[in-house]
N, C-alpha and C. Protein backbone atom coordinates (compact mmCIF):
# COMPACT_ATOMS: atom_id res chain seq x y z
N MET A 1 21.07 7.64 20.69
CA MET A 1 21.59 8.47 19.37
C MET A 1 21.57 7.71 17.35
N ALA A 2 21.15 6.61 17.48
CA ALA A 2 21.20 6.09 16.21
C ALA A 2 19.85 6.20 16.35
N ILE A 3 18.80 6.06 17.21
CA ILE A 3 17.20 6.08 17.43
C ILE A 3 16.94 7.56 17.06
N ALA A 4 17.42 8.57 17.27
CA ALA A 4 17.13 9.88 16.91
C ALA A 4 17.66 10.22 15.43
N ALA A 5 18.71 9.28 15.04
CA ALA A 5 18.68 9.36 13.89
C ALA A 5 18.02 9.12 12.85
N PHE A 6 17.56 7.96 12.80
CA PHE A 6 16.72 6.73 12.39
C PHE A 6 15.43 7.91 12.08
N PHE A 7 14.78 8.53 13.29
CA PHE A 7 13.74 9.04 13.34
C PHE A 7 14.00 10.41 12.55
N GLN A 8 15.17 10.89 12.88
CA GLN A 8 15.23 12.52 11.87
C GLN A 8 14.98 12.17 10.13
N THR A 9 15.75 11.10 9.67
CA THR A 9 15.67 10.36 8.51
C THR A 9 15.03 9.46 7.92
N GLY A 10 15.35 8.10 8.44
CA GLY A 10 14.50 7.23 7.50
C GLY A 10 12.46 7.22 8.27
N GLY A 11 12.56 7.86 9.76
CA GLY A 11 11.63 7.13 10.02
C GLY A 11 10.38 8.42 9.36
N SER A 12 11.01 9.41 8.95
CA SER A 12 9.38 10.32 8.63
C SER A 12 9.38 10.18 7.11
N VAL A 13 10.30 9.41 6.38
CA VAL A 13 9.85 8.76 5.15
C VAL A 13 9.02 7.41 5.45
N PHE A 14 9.37 7.06 6.35
CA PHE A 14 8.20 5.26 7.07
C PHE A 14 7.04 6.38 7.20
N VAL A 15 7.19 6.95 8.25
CA VAL A 15 5.58 7.54 8.42
C VAL A 15 5.17 8.57 6.65
N LEU A 16 5.36 9.12 6.17
CA LEU A 16 5.00 9.70 5.14
C LEU A 16 4.50 8.64 4.14
N LEU A 17 5.25 7.68 3.92
CA LEU A 17 4.66 6.45 2.86
C LEU A 17 3.49 5.70 3.72
N ALA A 18 3.25 5.81 4.53
CA ALA A 18 2.49 5.16 5.51
C ALA A 18 0.99 5.66 5.46
N ILE A 19 1.43 6.91 5.66
CA ILE A 19 0.14 7.60 5.45
C ILE A 19 -0.27 7.55 3.96
N PHE A 20 0.18 7.72 3.02
CA PHE A 20 0.25 7.87 1.78
C PHE A 20 -0.70 6.03 1.38
N ALA A 21 -0.23 4.83 2.10
CA ALA A 21 -0.76 4.32 2.10
C ALA A 21 -1.72 3.49 2.59
N PHE A 22 -2.00 4.03 3.88
CA PHE A 22 -3.11 3.33 4.80
C PHE A 22 -4.59 3.83 4.17
N LEU A 23 -5.18 4.66 3.84
CA LEU A 23 -6.07 4.95 3.37
C LEU A 23 -6.79 4.32 2.49
N PRO A 24 -5.76 4.03 1.00
CA PRO A 24 -6.31 3.58 -0.07
C PRO A 24 -6.32 1.82 0.06
N SER A 25 -5.40 1.56 1.47
CA SER A 25 -5.75 -0.01 1.85
C SER A 25 -6.93 0.18 2.81
N MET A 26 -7.07 0.69 3.32
CA MET A 26 -8.24 0.87 3.84
C MET A 26 -9.86 1.09 3.50
N THR A 27 -9.61 1.55 2.58
CA THR A 27 -10.45 1.53 1.28
C THR A 27 -10.85 0.34 0.33
N VAL A 28 -10.06 -0.37 0.19
CA VAL A 28 -9.68 -1.34 -0.62
C VAL A 28 -10.48 -2.75 0.38
N ALA A 29 -10.04 -2.59 1.70
CA ALA A 29 -10.21 -3.54 3.02
C ALA A 29 -11.87 -3.60 2.73
N ALA A 30 -12.72 -1.89 3.20
CA ALA A 30 -14.22 -2.01 3.16
C ALA A 30 -15.14 -2.34 1.79
N ILE A 31 -13.98 -2.20 0.50
CA ILE A 31 -15.07 -2.16 -0.78
C ILE A 31 -14.88 -3.98 -0.53
N ALA A 32 -13.59 -4.79 -0.19
CA ALA A 32 -13.42 -6.19 0.16
C ALA A 32 -14.96 -6.41 0.57
N GLU A 33 -15.68 -6.62 2.38
CA GLU A 33 -15.90 -6.31 3.09
C GLU A 33 -17.69 -6.15 2.47
N ILE A 34 -17.78 -4.92 1.81
CA ILE A 34 -18.79 -4.68 1.80
C ILE A 34 -19.56 -5.59 0.45
N TYR A 35 -18.88 -5.87 -0.28
CA TYR A 35 -19.32 -6.94 -1.66
C TYR A 35 -18.94 -8.04 -1.57
N ARG A 36 -18.29 -8.77 0.11
CA ARG A 36 -17.84 -9.97 0.21
C ARG A 36 -16.67 -10.73 -0.72
N ILE A 37 -16.05 -9.46 -1.74
CA ILE A 37 -15.14 -10.22 -2.24
C ILE A 37 -14.22 -11.13 -1.48
N ARG A 38 -13.94 -12.19 -2.14
CA ARG A 38 -12.68 -13.36 -1.64
C ARG A 38 -11.62 -14.25 -2.56
N SER A 39 -11.28 -13.48 -3.62
CA SER A 39 -11.05 -13.97 -4.52
C SER A 39 -9.04 -13.13 -3.83
N VAL A 40 -8.64 -14.04 -3.90
CA VAL A 40 -6.49 -13.96 -3.76
C VAL A 40 -6.39 -13.04 -4.76
N LEU A 41 -6.84 -13.22 -5.58
CA LEU A 41 -6.63 -12.55 -7.09
C LEU A 41 -6.85 -10.72 -6.97
N PHE A 42 -7.77 -10.56 -6.57
CA PHE A 42 -8.36 -8.99 -6.09
C PHE A 42 -7.69 -8.62 -5.16
N TYR A 43 -7.02 -9.20 -3.96
CA TYR A 43 -6.29 -8.50 -3.09
C TYR A 43 -4.87 -8.15 -3.65
N ILE A 44 -4.68 -9.45 -3.76
CA ILE A 44 -2.85 -9.19 -4.70
C ILE A 44 -3.19 -7.71 -5.36
N LEU A 45 -3.75 -8.19 -6.75
CA LEU A 45 -3.91 -7.06 -7.65
C LEU A 45 -4.12 -5.86 -6.83
N SER A 46 -5.26 -5.37 -6.09
CA SER A 46 -5.66 -4.55 -5.30
C SER A 46 -4.17 -4.03 -4.61
N ALA A 47 -3.40 -4.78 -3.88
CA ALA A 47 -2.85 -4.22 -3.06
C ALA A 47 -1.25 -4.04 -4.25
N GLY A 48 -0.67 -4.27 -5.19
CA GLY A 48 0.30 -3.87 -6.32
C GLY A 48 -0.13 -2.43 -6.36
N MET A 49 -2.23 -2.56 -6.87
CA MET A 49 -2.60 -1.15 -6.85
C MET A 49 -2.18 -0.24 -5.79
N VAL A 50 -2.53 -0.23 -4.81
CA VAL A 50 -2.16 0.71 -3.33
C VAL A 50 -0.91 1.41 -3.51
N ALA A 51 -0.32 -0.13 -3.64
CA ALA A 51 1.53 0.55 -4.18
C ALA A 51 2.09 0.96 -5.13
N ILE A 52 1.54 1.19 -6.36
CA ILE A 52 1.67 1.87 -7.54
C ILE A 52 1.51 3.29 -6.71
N PHE A 53 0.12 2.85 -6.35
CA PHE A 53 -0.43 4.93 -6.59
C PHE A 53 0.00 5.33 -5.06
N SER A 54 0.49 4.72 -4.46
CA SER A 54 1.46 5.39 -3.25
C SER A 54 2.61 5.63 -3.43
N THR A 55 3.41 5.14 -4.33
CA THR A 55 5.02 5.29 -4.11
C THR A 55 4.83 7.07 -5.44
N ALA A 56 3.91 6.99 -6.15
CA ALA A 56 3.42 7.86 -7.04
C ALA A 56 3.57 8.82 -6.54
N GLY A 57 2.48 8.68 -5.75
CA GLY A 57 1.76 10.23 -4.54
C GLY A 57 2.84 10.43 -3.85
N PHE A 58 3.63 9.73 -3.04
CA PHE A 58 5.05 10.19 -2.62
C PHE A 58 5.92 10.55 -3.35
N GLY A 59 6.08 9.95 -3.92
CA GLY A 59 7.22 10.96 -5.18
C GLY A 59 6.83 12.14 -5.67
N PHE A 60 5.53 12.21 -6.06
CA PHE A 60 4.94 13.33 -6.48
C PHE A 60 5.20 15.04 -5.11
N VAL A 61 4.83 14.13 -4.08
CA VAL A 61 5.26 15.29 -3.10
C VAL A 61 6.34 15.29 -2.77
N LEU A 62 7.00 14.53 -2.80
CA LEU A 62 8.72 14.97 -2.71
C LEU A 62 9.14 15.77 -3.89
N SER A 63 8.95 15.51 -5.07
CA SER A 63 8.35 16.39 -5.89
C SER A 63 8.30 17.57 -6.15
N LEU A 64 7.16 17.89 -5.45
CA LEU A 64 6.80 19.16 -5.28
C LEU A 64 7.67 20.24 -3.82
N LEU A 65 8.54 18.90 -3.50
CA LEU A 65 9.78 19.33 -2.27
C LEU A 65 10.89 19.66 -2.67
N MET A 66 10.76 19.67 -3.92
CA MET A 66 12.52 19.71 -4.58
C MET A 66 13.10 18.58 -4.57
N PHE A 67 12.67 17.59 -4.13
CA PHE A 67 13.43 16.92 -4.32
C PHE A 67 13.26 15.20 -5.82
N GLN A 68 13.72 15.57 -5.82
CA GLN A 68 14.09 14.22 -7.45
C GLN A 68 13.81 12.90 -6.78
N PRO A 69 13.21 11.78 -5.90
CA PRO A 69 14.00 10.66 -6.34
C PRO A 69 14.15 9.54 -7.26
N LYS A 70 15.79 9.32 -6.88
CA LYS A 70 15.32 8.21 -8.11
C LYS A 70 15.41 6.62 -7.76
N VAL A 71 14.21 6.17 -8.02
CA VAL A 71 13.75 4.82 -7.39
C VAL A 71 13.62 4.11 -8.08
N GLY A 72 13.29 3.94 -9.68
CA GLY A 72 13.56 2.94 -10.70
C GLY A 72 12.48 3.59 -11.64
N PRO A 73 12.00 2.77 -12.75
CA PRO A 73 11.82 3.00 -13.76
C PRO A 73 10.21 3.98 -13.66
N ARG A 74 9.80 4.87 -15.26
CA ARG A 74 8.77 5.88 -14.76
C ARG A 74 7.65 5.36 -15.24
N ILE A 75 6.32 5.68 -14.90
CA ILE A 75 5.59 5.06 -15.07
C ILE A 75 4.73 6.68 -15.53
N GLY A 76 4.90 7.10 -16.52
CA GLY A 76 4.11 8.48 -16.90
C GLY A 76 5.05 9.37 -16.30
N ALA A 77 4.29 10.19 -15.32
CA ALA A 77 5.50 11.30 -14.78
C ALA A 77 6.14 11.00 -13.69
N PHE A 78 5.88 9.54 -13.00
CA PHE A 78 5.73 9.23 -11.50
C PHE A 78 7.07 8.09 -12.22
N SER A 79 8.26 8.04 -10.82
CA SER A 79 8.88 6.89 -11.01
C SER A 79 8.06 5.90 -9.75
N VAL A 80 8.35 4.60 -9.70
CA VAL A 80 7.88 3.57 -9.27
C VAL A 80 9.02 2.71 -8.68
N ASN A 81 8.64 2.76 -7.41
CA ASN A 81 9.84 1.34 -6.87
C ASN A 81 9.07 0.23 -6.62
N TRP A 82 9.82 -1.18 -7.57
CA TRP A 82 8.73 -2.19 -7.70
C TRP A 82 9.35 -2.95 -6.58
N THR A 83 10.31 -2.46 -5.57
CA THR A 83 10.37 -3.19 -4.17
C THR A 83 9.30 -3.08 -3.58
N LEU A 84 8.15 -2.05 -3.74
CA LEU A 84 7.06 -1.88 -2.52
C LEU A 84 5.97 -2.16 -3.69
N VAL A 85 6.18 -2.18 -4.79
CA VAL A 85 4.71 -3.10 -5.52
C VAL A 85 4.58 -4.83 -5.27
N ILE A 86 5.42 -5.15 -5.12
CA ILE A 86 6.30 -6.59 -4.76
C ILE A 86 5.60 -6.73 -3.38
N SER A 87 6.39 -6.52 -2.28
CA SER A 87 5.61 -6.23 -1.07
C SER A 87 5.02 -5.90 -0.79
N GLY A 88 3.91 -4.70 -1.74
CA GLY A 88 2.80 -4.63 -1.48
C GLY A 88 1.89 -5.85 -1.79
N MET A 89 2.05 -6.33 -3.32
CA MET A 89 1.18 -7.81 -3.74
C MET A 89 1.25 -9.05 -2.11
N VAL A 90 2.55 -8.91 -1.72
CA VAL A 90 2.67 -10.14 -1.23
C VAL A 90 2.20 -9.68 0.65
N ALA A 91 1.71 -8.80 0.90
CA ALA A 91 0.92 -8.23 1.68
C ALA A 91 -0.88 -7.80 1.77
N GLY A 92 -0.99 -8.27 -0.02
CA GLY A 92 -2.39 -8.50 -0.23
C GLY A 92 -2.47 -9.77 -0.37
N LEU A 93 -1.79 -10.61 -0.30
CA LEU A 93 -1.71 -12.09 -0.19
C LEU A 93 -1.54 -12.59 1.38
N VAL A 94 -1.30 -11.74 2.25
CA VAL A 94 -0.85 -12.32 3.69
C VAL A 94 -2.41 -12.36 4.25
N TYR A 95 -2.87 -10.57 4.03
CA TYR A 95 -3.87 -10.36 4.03
C TYR A 95 -5.21 -10.72 4.04
N TRP A 96 -5.08 -11.70 2.87
CA TRP A 96 -6.52 -12.43 1.79
C TRP A 96 -6.60 -13.74 2.72
N ALA A 97 -5.09 -14.20 3.16
CA ALA A 97 -5.03 -15.65 3.89
C ALA A 97 -5.50 -15.25 5.27
N VAL A 98 -5.05 -13.99 6.34
CA VAL A 98 -5.63 -14.18 7.50
C VAL A 98 -7.16 -13.41 7.47
N ALA A 99 -7.86 -12.56 6.53
CA ALA A 99 -9.25 -11.83 7.03
C ALA A 99 -9.90 -12.12 5.60
N GLY A 100 -8.94 -11.96 4.24
CA GLY A 100 -9.94 -11.96 3.10
C GLY A 100 -10.84 -13.34 2.78
N ARG A 101 -10.16 -14.35 3.22
CA ARG A 101 -11.05 -15.85 2.97
C ARG A 101 -12.84 -15.48 3.54
N GLN A 102 -12.30 -14.62 4.67
CA GLN A 102 -13.86 -14.45 5.03
C GLN A 102 -14.30 -13.49 5.14
N ALA A 103 -14.41 -12.64 4.08
CA ALA A 103 -14.57 -11.36 3.56
C ALA A 103 -16.40 -11.07 3.64
N GLY A 104 -16.89 -10.85 4.33
CA GLY A 104 -18.43 -10.53 4.21
C GLY A 104 -19.24 -11.69 4.92
N ALA A 105 -18.71 -12.79 5.55
CA ALA A 105 -18.84 -13.56 6.45
C ALA A 105 -20.04 -13.36 7.95
N TRP A 106 -19.46 -11.91 8.36
CA TRP A 106 -20.05 -11.92 9.32
C TRP A 106 -21.48 -11.03 9.00
N ARG A 107 -21.94 -10.85 7.77
CA ARG A 107 -23.36 -10.35 7.26
C ARG A 107 -24.51 -11.28 6.54
N GLN A 108 -24.08 -12.94 6.75
CA GLN A 108 -24.28 -14.01 6.48
C GLN A 108 -24.57 -14.69 8.03
N GLY A 109 -24.18 -14.18 8.81
CA GLY A 109 -24.31 -14.90 10.33
C GLY A 109 -23.06 -15.87 10.57
N ARG A 110 -22.61 -16.10 10.13
CA ARG A 110 -21.24 -17.07 9.75
C ARG A 110 -19.91 -16.80 9.59
N ILE A 111 -18.77 -17.42 10.79
CA ILE A 111 -17.83 -16.81 10.77
C ILE A 111 -16.59 -18.39 10.41
């Protein structure tokens, strides 16, 4: 019963937010690989920007559905949840530690 309630409420919110974050995250990872960007600052800031745009897009979709989320201070017309932004920046740091330090090394023949 509890699992069904999760997927009916929180699970659907998680899936929608993950959809809004997946494509921008993969785009940033592809750009970093193509241009061999290995800067930790790039990964942290770009992950923070992905989090801002993801939460703003998610809030926009919710507002189209006539639901006004109260998640935090507003940037322009959008409300941003800073907890998600900080966790996105931490995720960028972790991604850099796991894969970003070697970005583009496969193109040079060394890994």
